[in-house]
mmCIF file of all heavy atoms, coordinates in Angstrom:
data_MODEL
# 
_entry.id   MODEL 
# 
loop_
_atom_site.group_PDB 
_atom_site.id 
_atom_site.type_symbol 
_atom_site.label_atom_id 
_atom_site.label_alt_id 
_atom_site.label_comp_id 
_atom_site.label_asym_id 
_atom_site.label_entity_id 
_atom_site.label_seq_id 
_atom_site.pdbx_PDB_ins_code 
_atom_site.Cartn_x 
_atom_site.Cartn_y 
_atom_site.Cartn_z 
_atom_site.occupancy 
_atom_site.B_iso_or_equiv 
_atom_site.pdbx_formal_charge 
_atom_site.auth_seq_id 
_atom_site.auth_comp_id 
_atom_site.auth_asym_id 
_atom_site.auth_atom_id 
_atom_site.pdbx_PDB_model_num 
ATOM 1   N N   . ASN A 1 1  ? -4.342  12.367 -1.835 1.00 0.00 ? 1  ASN A N   1 
ATOM 2   C CA  . ASN A 1 1  ? -5.498  12.722 -1.022 1.00 0.00 ? 1  ASN A CA  1 
ATOM 3   C C   . ASN A 1 1  ? -6.793  12.737 -1.833 1.00 0.00 ? 1  ASN A C   1 
ATOM 4   O O   . ASN A 1 1  ? -6.828  12.309 -2.989 1.00 0.00 ? 1  ASN A O   1 
ATOM 5   C CB  . ASN A 1 1  ? -5.260  14.057 -0.309 1.00 0.00 ? 1  ASN A CB  1 
ATOM 6   C CG  . ASN A 1 1  ? -5.113  15.225 -1.277 1.00 0.00 ? 1  ASN A CG  1 
ATOM 7   O OD1 . ASN A 1 1  ? -5.529  15.166 -2.425 1.00 0.00 ? 1  ASN A OD1 1 
ATOM 8   N ND2 . ASN A 1 1  ? -4.505  16.307 -0.808 1.00 0.00 ? 1  ASN A ND2 1 
ATOM 9   N N   . SER A 1 2  ? -7.852  13.254 -1.227 1.00 0.00 ? 2  SER A N   1 
ATOM 10  C CA  . SER A 1 2  ? -9.168  13.226 -1.869 1.00 0.00 ? 2  SER A CA  1 
ATOM 11  C C   . SER A 1 2  ? -9.225  14.088 -3.125 1.00 0.00 ? 2  SER A C   1 
ATOM 12  O O   . SER A 1 2  ? -10.124 13.921 -3.950 1.00 0.00 ? 2  SER A O   1 
ATOM 13  C CB  . SER A 1 2  ? -10.245 13.679 -0.880 1.00 0.00 ? 2  SER A CB  1 
ATOM 14  O OG  . SER A 1 2  ? -9.974  14.998 -0.410 1.00 0.00 ? 2  SER A OG  1 
ATOM 15  N N   . ASP A 1 3  ? -8.273  15.004 -3.287 1.00 0.00 ? 3  ASP A N   1 
ATOM 16  C CA  . ASP A 1 3  ? -8.189  15.808 -4.507 1.00 0.00 ? 3  ASP A CA  1 
ATOM 17  C C   . ASP A 1 3  ? -7.230  15.193 -5.520 1.00 0.00 ? 3  ASP A C   1 
ATOM 18  O O   . ASP A 1 3  ? -7.027  15.743 -6.603 1.00 0.00 ? 3  ASP A O   1 
ATOM 19  C CB  . ASP A 1 3  ? -7.727  17.233 -4.186 1.00 0.00 ? 3  ASP A CB  1 
ATOM 20  C CG  . ASP A 1 3  ? -8.763  18.003 -3.385 1.00 0.00 ? 3  ASP A CG  1 
ATOM 21  O OD1 . ASP A 1 3  ? -9.969  17.814 -3.642 1.00 0.00 ? 3  ASP A OD1 1 
ATOM 22  O OD2 . ASP A 1 3  ? -8.367  18.790 -2.501 1.00 0.00 ? 3  ASP A OD2 1 
ATOM 23  N N   . GLY A 1 4  ? -6.623  14.074 -5.144 1.00 0.00 ? 4  GLY A N   1 
ATOM 24  C CA  . GLY A 1 4  ? -5.674  13.411 -6.026 1.00 0.00 ? 4  GLY A CA  1 
ATOM 25  C C   . GLY A 1 4  ? -4.255  13.927 -5.919 1.00 0.00 ? 4  GLY A C   1 
ATOM 26  O O   . GLY A 1 4  ? -3.377  13.482 -6.653 1.00 0.00 ? 4  GLY A O   1 
ATOM 27  N N   . GLU A 1 5  ? -3.998  14.852 -4.986 1.00 0.00 ? 5  GLU A N   1 
ATOM 28  C CA  . GLU A 1 5  ? -2.670  15.441 -4.859 1.00 0.00 ? 5  GLU A CA  1 
ATOM 29  C C   . GLU A 1 5  ? -1.746  14.543 -4.029 1.00 0.00 ? 5  GLU A C   1 
ATOM 30  O O   . GLU A 1 5  ? -2.143  14.017 -2.993 1.00 0.00 ? 5  GLU A O   1 
ATOM 31  C CB  . GLU A 1 5  ? -2.765  16.807 -4.188 1.00 0.00 ? 5  GLU A CB  1 
ATOM 32  C CG  . GLU A 1 5  ? -3.588  17.815 -4.964 1.00 0.00 ? 5  GLU A CG  1 
ATOM 33  C CD  . GLU A 1 5  ? -3.830  19.082 -4.171 1.00 0.00 ? 5  GLU A CD  1 
ATOM 34  O OE1 . GLU A 1 5  ? -3.230  19.219 -3.082 1.00 0.00 ? 5  GLU A OE1 1 
ATOM 35  O OE2 . GLU A 1 5  ? -4.619  19.932 -4.618 1.00 0.00 ? 5  GLU A OE2 1 
ATOM 36  N N   . LYS A 1 6  ? -0.527  14.381 -4.488 1.00 0.00 ? 6  LYS A N   1 
ATOM 37  C CA  . LYS A 1 6  ? 0.471   13.635 -3.731 1.00 0.00 ? 6  LYS A CA  1 
ATOM 38  C C   . LYS A 1 6  ? 0.844   14.436 -2.486 1.00 0.00 ? 6  LYS A C   1 
ATOM 39  O O   . LYS A 1 6  ? 1.099   15.638 -2.555 1.00 0.00 ? 6  LYS A O   1 
ATOM 40  C CB  . LYS A 1 6  ? 1.713   13.409 -4.584 1.00 0.00 ? 6  LYS A CB  1 
ATOM 41  C CG  . LYS A 1 6  ? 2.831   12.666 -3.867 1.00 0.00 ? 6  LYS A CG  1 
ATOM 42  C CD  . LYS A 1 6  ? 4.048   12.558 -4.775 1.00 0.00 ? 6  LYS A CD  1 
ATOM 43  C CE  . LYS A 1 6  ? 5.221   11.910 -4.055 1.00 0.00 ? 6  LYS A CE  1 
ATOM 44  N NZ  . LYS A 1 6  ? 6.431   11.861 -4.904 1.00 0.00 ? 6  LYS A NZ  1 
ATOM 45  N N   . VAL A 1 7  ? 0.871   13.768 -1.337 1.00 0.00 ? 7  VAL A N   1 
ATOM 46  C CA  . VAL A 1 7  ? 1.212   14.440 -0.089 1.00 0.00 ? 7  VAL A CA  1 
ATOM 47  C C   . VAL A 1 7  ? 2.438   13.777 0.523  1.00 0.00 ? 7  VAL A C   1 
ATOM 48  O O   . VAL A 1 7  ? 2.874   12.710 0.090  1.00 0.00 ? 7  VAL A O   1 
ATOM 49  C CB  . VAL A 1 7  ? 0.024   14.396 0.908  1.00 0.00 ? 7  VAL A CB  1 
ATOM 50  C CG1 . VAL A 1 7  ? -1.152  15.202 0.372  1.00 0.00 ? 7  VAL A CG1 1 
ATOM 51  C CG2 . VAL A 1 7  ? -0.396  12.964 1.176  1.00 0.00 ? 7  VAL A CG2 1 
ATOM 52  N N   . SER A 1 8  ? 2.990   14.406 1.542  1.00 0.00 ? 8  SER A N   1 
ATOM 53  C CA  . SER A 1 8  ? 4.256   13.955 2.111  1.00 0.00 ? 8  SER A CA  1 
ATOM 54  C C   . SER A 1 8  ? 4.083   12.998 3.278  1.00 0.00 ? 8  SER A C   1 
ATOM 55  O O   . SER A 1 8  ? 5.067   12.608 3.896  1.00 0.00 ? 8  SER A O   1 
ATOM 56  C CB  . SER A 1 8  ? 5.074   15.165 2.571  1.00 0.00 ? 8  SER A CB  1 
ATOM 57  O OG  . SER A 1 8  ? 4.369   15.898 3.564  1.00 0.00 ? 8  SER A OG  1 
ATOM 58  N N   . TYR A 1 9  ? 2.859   12.639 3.589  1.00 0.00 ? 9  TYR A N   1 
ATOM 59  C CA  . TYR A 1 9  ? 2.622   11.765 4.735  1.00 0.00 ? 9  TYR A CA  1 
ATOM 60  C C   . TYR A 1 9  ? 1.862   10.514 4.301  1.00 0.00 ? 9  TYR A C   1 
ATOM 61  O O   . TYR A 1 9  ? 1.304   10.453 3.204  1.00 0.00 ? 9  TYR A O   1 
ATOM 62  C CB  . TYR A 1 9  ? 1.833   12.498 5.818  1.00 0.00 ? 9  TYR A CB  1 
ATOM 63  C CG  . TYR A 1 9  ? 0.518   13.075 5.330  1.00 0.00 ? 9  TYR A CG  1 
ATOM 64  C CD1 . TYR A 1 9  ? -0.632  12.302 5.289  1.00 0.00 ? 9  TYR A CD1 1 
ATOM 65  C CD2 . TYR A 1 9  ? 0.440   14.386 4.880  1.00 0.00 ? 9  TYR A CD2 1 
ATOM 66  C CE1 . TYR A 1 9  ? -1.834  12.816 4.828  1.00 0.00 ? 9  TYR A CE1 1 
ATOM 67  C CE2 . TYR A 1 9  ? -0.757  14.916 4.406  1.00 0.00 ? 9  TYR A CE2 1 
ATOM 68  C CZ  . TYR A 1 9  ? -1.883  14.119 4.390  1.00 0.00 ? 9  TYR A CZ  1 
ATOM 69  O OH  . TYR A 1 9  ? -3.071  14.634 3.916  1.00 0.00 ? 9  TYR A OH  1 
ATOM 70  N N   . MET A 1 10 ? 1.847   9.513  5.173  1.00 0.00 ? 10 MET A N   1 
ATOM 71  C CA  . MET A 1 10 ? 1.114   8.287  4.927  1.00 0.00 ? 10 MET A CA  1 
ATOM 72  C C   . MET A 1 10 ? 0.090   8.104  6.045  1.00 0.00 ? 10 MET A C   1 
ATOM 73  O O   . MET A 1 10 ? 0.451   7.929  7.209  1.00 0.00 ? 10 MET A O   1 
ATOM 74  C CB  . MET A 1 10 ? 2.063   7.091  4.902  1.00 0.00 ? 10 MET A CB  1 
ATOM 75  C CG  . MET A 1 10 ? 1.382   5.798  4.528  1.00 0.00 ? 10 MET A CG  1 
ATOM 76  S SD  . MET A 1 10 ? 0.836   5.759  2.807  1.00 0.00 ? 10 MET A SD  1 
ATOM 77  C CE  . MET A 1 10 ? 2.394   5.680  1.942  1.00 0.00 ? 10 MET A CE  1 
ATOM 78  N N   . PRO A 1 11 ? -1.203  8.187  5.747  1.00 0.00 ? 11 PRO A N   1 
ATOM 79  C CA  . PRO A 1 11 ? -2.211  8.041  6.797  1.00 0.00 ? 11 PRO A CA  1 
ATOM 80  C C   . PRO A 1 11 ? -2.118  6.680  7.480  1.00 0.00 ? 11 PRO A C   1 
ATOM 81  O O   . PRO A 1 11 ? -1.739  5.682  6.869  1.00 0.00 ? 11 PRO A O   1 
ATOM 82  C CB  . PRO A 1 11 ? -3.540  8.169  6.036  1.00 0.00 ? 11 PRO A CB  1 
ATOM 83  C CG  . PRO A 1 11 ? -3.183  8.885  4.778  1.00 0.00 ? 11 PRO A CG  1 
ATOM 84  C CD  . PRO A 1 11 ? -1.803  8.416  4.437  1.00 0.00 ? 11 PRO A CD  1 
ATOM 85  N N   . GLY A 1 12 ? -2.469  6.646  8.748  1.00 0.00 ? 12 GLY A N   1 
ATOM 86  C CA  . GLY A 1 12 ? -2.511  5.382  9.474  1.00 0.00 ? 12 GLY A CA  1 
ATOM 87  C C   . GLY A 1 12 ? -1.789  5.447  10.803 1.00 0.00 ? 12 GLY A C   1 
ATOM 88  O O   . GLY A 1 12 ? -1.399  6.511  11.288 1.00 0.00 ? 12 GLY A O   1 
ATOM 89  N N   . TRP A 1 13 ? -1.629  4.279  11.400 1.00 0.00 ? 13 TRP A N   1 
ATOM 90  C CA  . TRP A 1 13 ? -0.933  4.165  12.679 1.00 0.00 ? 13 TRP A CA  1 
ATOM 91  C C   . TRP A 1 13 ? 0.543   4.475  12.510 1.00 0.00 ? 13 TRP A C   1 
ATOM 92  O O   . TRP A 1 13 ? 1.154   4.109  11.505 1.00 0.00 ? 13 TRP A O   1 
ATOM 93  C CB  . TRP A 1 13 ? -1.092  2.753  13.226 1.00 0.00 ? 13 TRP A CB  1 
ATOM 94  C CG  . TRP A 1 13 ? -2.479  2.431  13.690 1.00 0.00 ? 13 TRP A CG  1 
ATOM 95  C CD1 . TRP A 1 13 ? -3.447  1.783  12.991 1.00 0.00 ? 13 TRP A CD1 1 
ATOM 96  C CD2 . TRP A 1 13 ? -3.035  2.741  14.965 1.00 0.00 ? 13 TRP A CD2 1 
ATOM 97  N NE1 . TRP A 1 13 ? -4.584  1.674  13.740 1.00 0.00 ? 13 TRP A NE1 1 
ATOM 98  C CE2 . TRP A 1 13 ? -4.370  2.241  14.973 1.00 0.00 ? 13 TRP A CE2 1 
ATOM 99  C CE3 . TRP A 1 13 ? -2.557  3.388  16.110 1.00 0.00 ? 13 TRP A CE3 1 
ATOM 100 C CZ2 . TRP A 1 13 ? -5.210  2.372  16.068 1.00 0.00 ? 13 TRP A CZ2 1 
ATOM 101 C CZ3 . TRP A 1 13 ? -3.398  3.508  17.208 1.00 0.00 ? 13 TRP A CZ3 1 
ATOM 102 C CH2 . TRP A 1 13 ? -4.700  3.005  17.178 1.00 0.00 ? 13 TRP A CH2 1 
ATOM 103 N N   . TYR A 1 14 ? 1.089   5.119  13.535 1.00 0.00 ? 14 TYR A N   1 
ATOM 104 C CA  . TYR A 1 14 ? 2.508   5.477  13.498 1.00 0.00 ? 14 TYR A CA  1 
ATOM 105 C C   . TYR A 1 14 ? 3.118   5.288  14.883 1.00 0.00 ? 14 TYR A C   1 
ATOM 106 O O   . TYR A 1 14 ? 2.622   5.821  15.873 1.00 0.00 ? 14 TYR A O   1 
ATOM 107 C CB  . TYR A 1 14 ? 2.677   6.929  13.048 1.00 0.00 ? 14 TYR A CB  1 
ATOM 108 C CG  . TYR A 1 14 ? 4.126   7.390  13.058 1.00 0.00 ? 14 TYR A CG  1 
ATOM 109 C CD1 . TYR A 1 14 ? 5.022   6.885  12.134 1.00 0.00 ? 14 TYR A CD1 1 
ATOM 110 C CD2 . TYR A 1 14 ? 4.571   8.306  13.995 1.00 0.00 ? 14 TYR A CD2 1 
ATOM 111 C CE1 . TYR A 1 14 ? 6.346   7.281  12.146 1.00 0.00 ? 14 TYR A CE1 1 
ATOM 112 C CE2 . TYR A 1 14 ? 5.893   8.716  14.013 1.00 0.00 ? 14 TYR A CE2 1 
ATOM 113 C CZ  . TYR A 1 14 ? 6.777   8.202  13.080 1.00 0.00 ? 14 TYR A CZ  1 
ATOM 114 O OH  . TYR A 1 14 ? 8.085   8.599  13.103 1.00 0.00 ? 14 TYR A OH  1 
ATOM 115 N N   . LYS A 1 15 ? 4.190   4.494  14.947 1.00 0.00 ? 15 LYS A N   1 
ATOM 116 C CA  . LYS A 1 15 ? 4.878   4.225  16.217 1.00 0.00 ? 15 LYS A CA  1 
ATOM 117 C C   . LYS A 1 15 ? 5.953   5.284  16.414 1.00 0.00 ? 15 LYS A C   1 
ATOM 118 O O   . LYS A 1 15 ? 6.907   5.386  15.647 1.00 0.00 ? 15 LYS A O   1 
ATOM 119 C CB  . LYS A 1 15 ? 5.507   2.837  16.201 1.00 0.00 ? 15 LYS A CB  1 
ATOM 120 C CG  . LYS A 1 15 ? 6.064   2.384  17.551 1.00 0.00 ? 15 LYS A CG  1 
ATOM 121 C CD  . LYS A 1 15 ? 4.947   2.139  18.549 1.00 0.00 ? 15 LYS A CD  1 
ATOM 122 C CE  . LYS A 1 15 ? 5.476   1.648  19.898 1.00 0.00 ? 15 LYS A CE  1 
ATOM 123 N NZ  . LYS A 1 15 ? 6.126   0.317  19.792 1.00 0.00 ? 15 LYS A NZ  1 
ATOM 124 N N   . ASP A 1 16 ? 5.780   6.103  17.433 1.00 0.00 ? 16 ASP A N   1 
ATOM 125 C CA  . ASP A 1 16 ? 6.715   7.181  17.733 1.00 0.00 ? 16 ASP A CA  1 
ATOM 126 C C   . ASP A 1 16 ? 7.386   6.869  19.058 1.00 0.00 ? 16 ASP A C   1 
ATOM 127 O O   . ASP A 1 16 ? 6.890   7.211  20.121 1.00 0.00 ? 16 ASP A O   1 
ATOM 128 C CB  . ASP A 1 16 ? 5.957   8.510  17.807 1.00 0.00 ? 16 ASP A CB  1 
ATOM 129 C CG  . ASP A 1 16 ? 6.883   9.702  18.030 1.00 0.00 ? 16 ASP A CG  1 
ATOM 130 O OD1 . ASP A 1 16 ? 8.106   9.533  17.855 1.00 0.00 ? 16 ASP A OD1 1 
ATOM 131 O OD2 . ASP A 1 16 ? 6.382   10.784 18.376 1.00 0.00 ? 16 ASP A OD2 1 
ATOM 132 N N   . GLY A 1 17 ? 8.516   6.174  18.979 1.00 0.00 ? 17 GLY A N   1 
ATOM 133 C CA  . GLY A 1 17 ? 9.180   5.747  20.202 1.00 0.00 ? 17 GLY A CA  1 
ATOM 134 C C   . GLY A 1 17 ? 8.323   4.723  20.937 1.00 0.00 ? 17 GLY A C   1 
ATOM 135 O O   . GLY A 1 17 ? 7.989   3.669  20.405 1.00 0.00 ? 17 GLY A O   1 
ATOM 136 N N   . ASP A 1 18 ? 7.947   5.054  22.158 1.00 0.00 ? 18 ASP A N   1 
ATOM 137 C CA  . ASP A 1 18 ? 7.107   4.153  22.950 1.00 0.00 ? 18 ASP A CA  1 
ATOM 138 C C   . ASP A 1 18 ? 5.626   4.436  22.776 1.00 0.00 ? 18 ASP A C   1 
ATOM 139 O O   . ASP A 1 18 ? 4.795   3.804  23.445 1.00 0.00 ? 18 ASP A O   1 
ATOM 140 C CB  . ASP A 1 18 ? 7.469   4.285  24.442 1.00 0.00 ? 18 ASP A CB  1 
ATOM 141 C CG  . ASP A 1 18 ? 8.889   3.813  24.735 1.00 0.00 ? 18 ASP A CG  1 
ATOM 142 O OD1 . ASP A 1 18 ? 9.380   2.926  24.002 1.00 0.00 ? 18 ASP A OD1 1 
ATOM 143 O OD2 . ASP A 1 18 ? 9.507   4.353  25.672 1.00 0.00 ? 18 ASP A OD2 1 
ATOM 144 N N   . TYR A 1 19 ? 5.290   5.381  21.921 1.00 0.00 ? 19 TYR A N   1 
ATOM 145 C CA  . TYR A 1 19 ? 3.897   5.811  21.799 1.00 0.00 ? 19 TYR A CA  1 
ATOM 146 C C   . TYR A 1 19 ? 3.322   5.476  20.435 1.00 0.00 ? 19 TYR A C   1 
ATOM 147 O O   . TYR A 1 19 ? 4.045   5.347  19.454 1.00 0.00 ? 19 TYR A O   1 
ATOM 148 C CB  . TYR A 1 19 ? 3.781   7.324  22.020 1.00 0.00 ? 19 TYR A CB  1 
ATOM 149 C CG  . TYR A 1 19 ? 4.376   7.796  23.325 1.00 0.00 ? 19 TYR A CG  1 
ATOM 150 C CD1 . TYR A 1 19 ? 5.580   8.498  23.340 1.00 0.00 ? 19 TYR A CD1 1 
ATOM 151 C CD2 . TYR A 1 19 ? 3.749   7.530  24.544 1.00 0.00 ? 19 TYR A CD2 1 
ATOM 152 C CE1 . TYR A 1 19 ? 6.138   8.928  24.532 1.00 0.00 ? 19 TYR A CE1 1 
ATOM 153 C CE2 . TYR A 1 19 ? 4.301   7.954  25.734 1.00 0.00 ? 19 TYR A CE2 1 
ATOM 154 C CZ  . TYR A 1 19 ? 5.499   8.653  25.725 1.00 0.00 ? 19 TYR A CZ  1 
ATOM 155 O OH  . TYR A 1 19 ? 6.043   9.073  26.910 1.00 0.00 ? 19 TYR A OH  1 
ATOM 156 N N   . TRP A 1 20 ? 2.001   5.378  20.431 1.00 0.00 ? 20 TRP A N   1 
ATOM 157 C CA  . TRP A 1 20 ? 1.276   5.231  19.172 1.00 0.00 ? 20 TRP A CA  1 
ATOM 158 C C   . TRP A 1 20 ? 0.529   6.514  18.858 1.00 0.00 ? 20 TRP A C   1 
ATOM 159 O O   . TRP A 1 20 ? -0.093  7.116  19.724 1.00 0.00 ? 20 TRP A O   1 
ATOM 160 C CB  . TRP A 1 20 ? 0.265   4.081  19.251 1.00 0.00 ? 20 TRP A CB  1 
ATOM 161 C CG  . TRP A 1 20 ? 0.878   2.726  19.093 1.00 0.00 ? 20 TRP A CG  1 
ATOM 162 C CD1 . TRP A 1 20 ? 1.192   1.848  20.077 1.00 0.00 ? 20 TRP A CD1 1 
ATOM 163 C CD2 . TRP A 1 20 ? 1.257   2.109  17.868 1.00 0.00 ? 20 TRP A CD2 1 
ATOM 164 N NE1 . TRP A 1 20 ? 1.748   0.706  19.557 1.00 0.00 ? 20 TRP A NE1 1 
ATOM 165 C CE2 . TRP A 1 20 ? 1.798   0.842  18.188 1.00 0.00 ? 20 TRP A CE2 1 
ATOM 166 C CE3 . TRP A 1 20 ? 1.196   2.501  16.532 1.00 0.00 ? 20 TRP A CE3 1 
ATOM 167 C CZ2 . TRP A 1 20 ? 2.266   -0.030 17.216 1.00 0.00 ? 20 TRP A CZ2 1 
ATOM 168 C CZ3 . TRP A 1 20 ? 1.669   1.624  15.561 1.00 0.00 ? 20 TRP A CZ3 1 
ATOM 169 C CH2 . TRP A 1 20 ? 2.196   0.374  15.906 1.00 0.00 ? 20 TRP A CH2 1 
ATOM 170 N N   . ARG A 1 21 ? 0.595   6.899  17.597 1.00 0.00 ? 21 ARG A N   1 
ATOM 171 C CA  . ARG A 1 21 ? -0.165  8.039  17.118 1.00 0.00 ? 21 ARG A CA  1 
ATOM 172 C C   . ARG A 1 21 ? -0.939  7.590  15.877 1.00 0.00 ? 21 ARG A C   1 
ATOM 173 O O   . ARG A 1 21 ? -0.693  6.520  15.325 1.00 0.00 ? 21 ARG A O   1 
ATOM 174 C CB  . ARG A 1 21 ? 0.752   9.216  16.757 1.00 0.00 ? 21 ARG A CB  1 
ATOM 175 C CG  . ARG A 1 21 ? 1.685   9.645  17.883 1.00 0.00 ? 21 ARG A CG  1 
ATOM 176 C CD  . ARG A 1 21 ? 2.461   10.884 17.468 1.00 0.00 ? 21 ARG A CD  1 
ATOM 177 N NE  . ARG A 1 21 ? 3.519   11.195 18.401 1.00 0.00 ? 21 ARG A NE  1 
ATOM 178 C CZ  . ARG A 1 21 ? 3.369   11.865 19.530 1.00 0.00 ? 21 ARG A CZ  1 
ATOM 179 N NH1 . ARG A 1 21 ? 2.151   12.298 19.859 1.00 0.00 ? 21 ARG A NH1 1 
ATOM 180 N NH2 . ARG A 1 21 ? 4.379   12.115 20.334 1.00 0.00 ? 21 ARG A NH2 1 
ATOM 181 N N   . TYR A 1 22 ? -1.863  8.439  15.452 1.00 0.00 ? 22 TYR A N   1 
ATOM 182 C CA  . TYR A 1 22 ? -2.634  8.092  14.260 1.00 0.00 ? 22 TYR A CA  1 
ATOM 183 C C   . TYR A 1 22 ? -2.711  9.306  13.343 1.00 0.00 ? 22 TYR A C   1 
ATOM 184 O O   . TYR A 1 22 ? -3.193  10.370 13.735 1.00 0.00 ? 22 TYR A O   1 
ATOM 185 C CB  . TYR A 1 22 ? -4.056  7.637  14.630 1.00 0.00 ? 22 TYR A CB  1 
ATOM 186 C CG  . TYR A 1 22 ? -4.776  7.034  13.456 1.00 0.00 ? 22 TYR A CG  1 
ATOM 187 C CD1 . TYR A 1 22 ? -4.639  5.687  13.168 1.00 0.00 ? 22 TYR A CD1 1 
ATOM 188 C CD2 . TYR A 1 22 ? -5.556  7.817  12.618 1.00 0.00 ? 22 TYR A CD2 1 
ATOM 189 C CE1 . TYR A 1 22 ? -5.269  5.134  12.071 1.00 0.00 ? 22 TYR A CE1 1 
ATOM 190 C CE2 . TYR A 1 22 ? -6.189  7.276  11.519 1.00 0.00 ? 22 TYR A CE2 1 
ATOM 191 C CZ  . TYR A 1 22 ? -6.050  5.929  11.250 1.00 0.00 ? 22 TYR A CZ  1 
ATOM 192 O OH  . TYR A 1 22 ? -6.664  5.385  10.158 1.00 0.00 ? 22 TYR A OH  1 
ATOM 193 N N   . ILE A 1 23 ? -2.193  9.149  12.114 1.00 0.00 ? 23 ILE A N   1 
ATOM 194 C CA  . ILE A 1 23 ? -2.211  10.226 11.127 1.00 0.00 ? 23 ILE A CA  1 
ATOM 195 C C   . ILE A 1 23 ? -3.471  10.092 10.282 1.00 0.00 ? 23 ILE A C   1 
ATOM 196 O O   . ILE A 1 23 ? -3.691  9.069  9.622  1.00 0.00 ? 23 ILE A O   1 
ATOM 197 C CB  . ILE A 1 23 ? -0.977  10.175 10.217 1.00 0.00 ? 23 ILE A CB  1 
ATOM 198 C CG1 . ILE A 1 23 ? 0.305   10.232 11.060 1.00 0.00 ? 23 ILE A CG1 1 
ATOM 199 C CG2 . ILE A 1 23 ? -0.996  11.331 9.214  1.00 0.00 ? 23 ILE A CG2 1 
ATOM 200 C CD1 . ILE A 1 23 ? 1.572   10.022 10.249 1.00 0.00 ? 23 ILE A CD1 1 
ATOM 201 N N   . GLN A 1 24 ? -4.297  11.129 10.299 1.00 0.00 ? 24 GLN A N   1 
ATOM 202 C CA  . GLN A 1 24 ? -5.523  11.128 9.520  1.00 0.00 ? 24 GLN A CA  1 
ATOM 203 C C   . GLN A 1 24 ? -5.239  11.460 8.058  1.00 0.00 ? 24 GLN A C   1 
ATOM 204 O O   . GLN A 1 24 ? -4.139  11.880 7.697  1.00 0.00 ? 24 GLN A O   1 
ATOM 205 C CB  . GLN A 1 24 ? -6.505  12.138 10.111 1.00 0.00 ? 24 GLN A CB  1 
ATOM 206 C CG  . GLN A 1 24 ? -6.839  11.866 11.573 1.00 0.00 ? 24 GLN A CG  1 
ATOM 207 C CD  . GLN A 1 24 ? -7.721  12.943 12.152 1.00 0.00 ? 24 GLN A CD  1 
ATOM 208 O OE1 . GLN A 1 24 ? -8.942  12.887 12.056 1.00 0.00 ? 24 GLN A OE1 1 
ATOM 209 N NE2 . GLN A 1 24 ? -7.099  13.941 12.778 1.00 0.00 ? 24 GLN A NE2 1 
ATOM 210 N N   . LYS A 1 25 ? -6.255  11.294 7.229  1.00 0.00 ? 25 LYS A N   1 
ATOM 211 C CA  . LYS A 1 25 ? -6.059  11.517 5.799  1.00 0.00 ? 25 LYS A CA  1 
ATOM 212 C C   . LYS A 1 25 ? -5.779  12.970 5.452  1.00 0.00 ? 25 LYS A C   1 
ATOM 213 O O   . LYS A 1 25 ? -5.234  13.261 4.395  1.00 0.00 ? 25 LYS A O   1 
ATOM 214 C CB  . LYS A 1 25 ? -7.286  11.036 5.028  1.00 0.00 ? 25 LYS A CB  1 
ATOM 215 C CG  . LYS A 1 25 ? -7.372  9.527  4.992  1.00 0.00 ? 25 LYS A CG  1 
ATOM 216 C CD  . LYS A 1 25 ? -8.434  9.099  4.021  1.00 0.00 ? 25 LYS A CD  1 
ATOM 217 C CE  . LYS A 1 25 ? -8.400  7.600  3.848  1.00 0.00 ? 25 LYS A CE  1 
ATOM 218 N NZ  . LYS A 1 25 ? -9.365  7.157  2.826  1.00 0.00 ? 25 LYS A NZ  1 
ATOM 219 N N   . ASN A 1 26 ? -6.168  13.874 6.330  1.00 0.00 ? 26 ASN A N   1 
ATOM 220 C CA  . ASN A 1 26 ? -5.884  15.292 6.068  1.00 0.00 ? 26 ASN A CA  1 
ATOM 221 C C   . ASN A 1 26 ? -4.485  15.692 6.531  1.00 0.00 ? 26 ASN A C   1 
ATOM 222 O O   . ASN A 1 26 ? -4.098  16.851 6.432  1.00 0.00 ? 26 ASN A O   1 
ATOM 223 C CB  . ASN A 1 26 ? -6.929  16.184 6.732  1.00 0.00 ? 26 ASN A CB  1 
ATOM 224 C CG  . ASN A 1 26 ? -6.989  15.995 8.243  1.00 0.00 ? 26 ASN A CG  1 
ATOM 225 O OD1 . ASN A 1 26 ? -6.138  15.320 8.832  1.00 0.00 ? 26 ASN A OD1 1 
ATOM 226 N ND2 . ASN A 1 26 ? -7.986  16.576 8.881  1.00 0.00 ? 26 ASN A ND2 1 
# 
């Protein structure tokens, strides 16, 4: 992230079954 810390998620588009979601950088 912006502090350089490794996080458990990957920002961006995410296909959840039949739906699209968007994971922000936070």
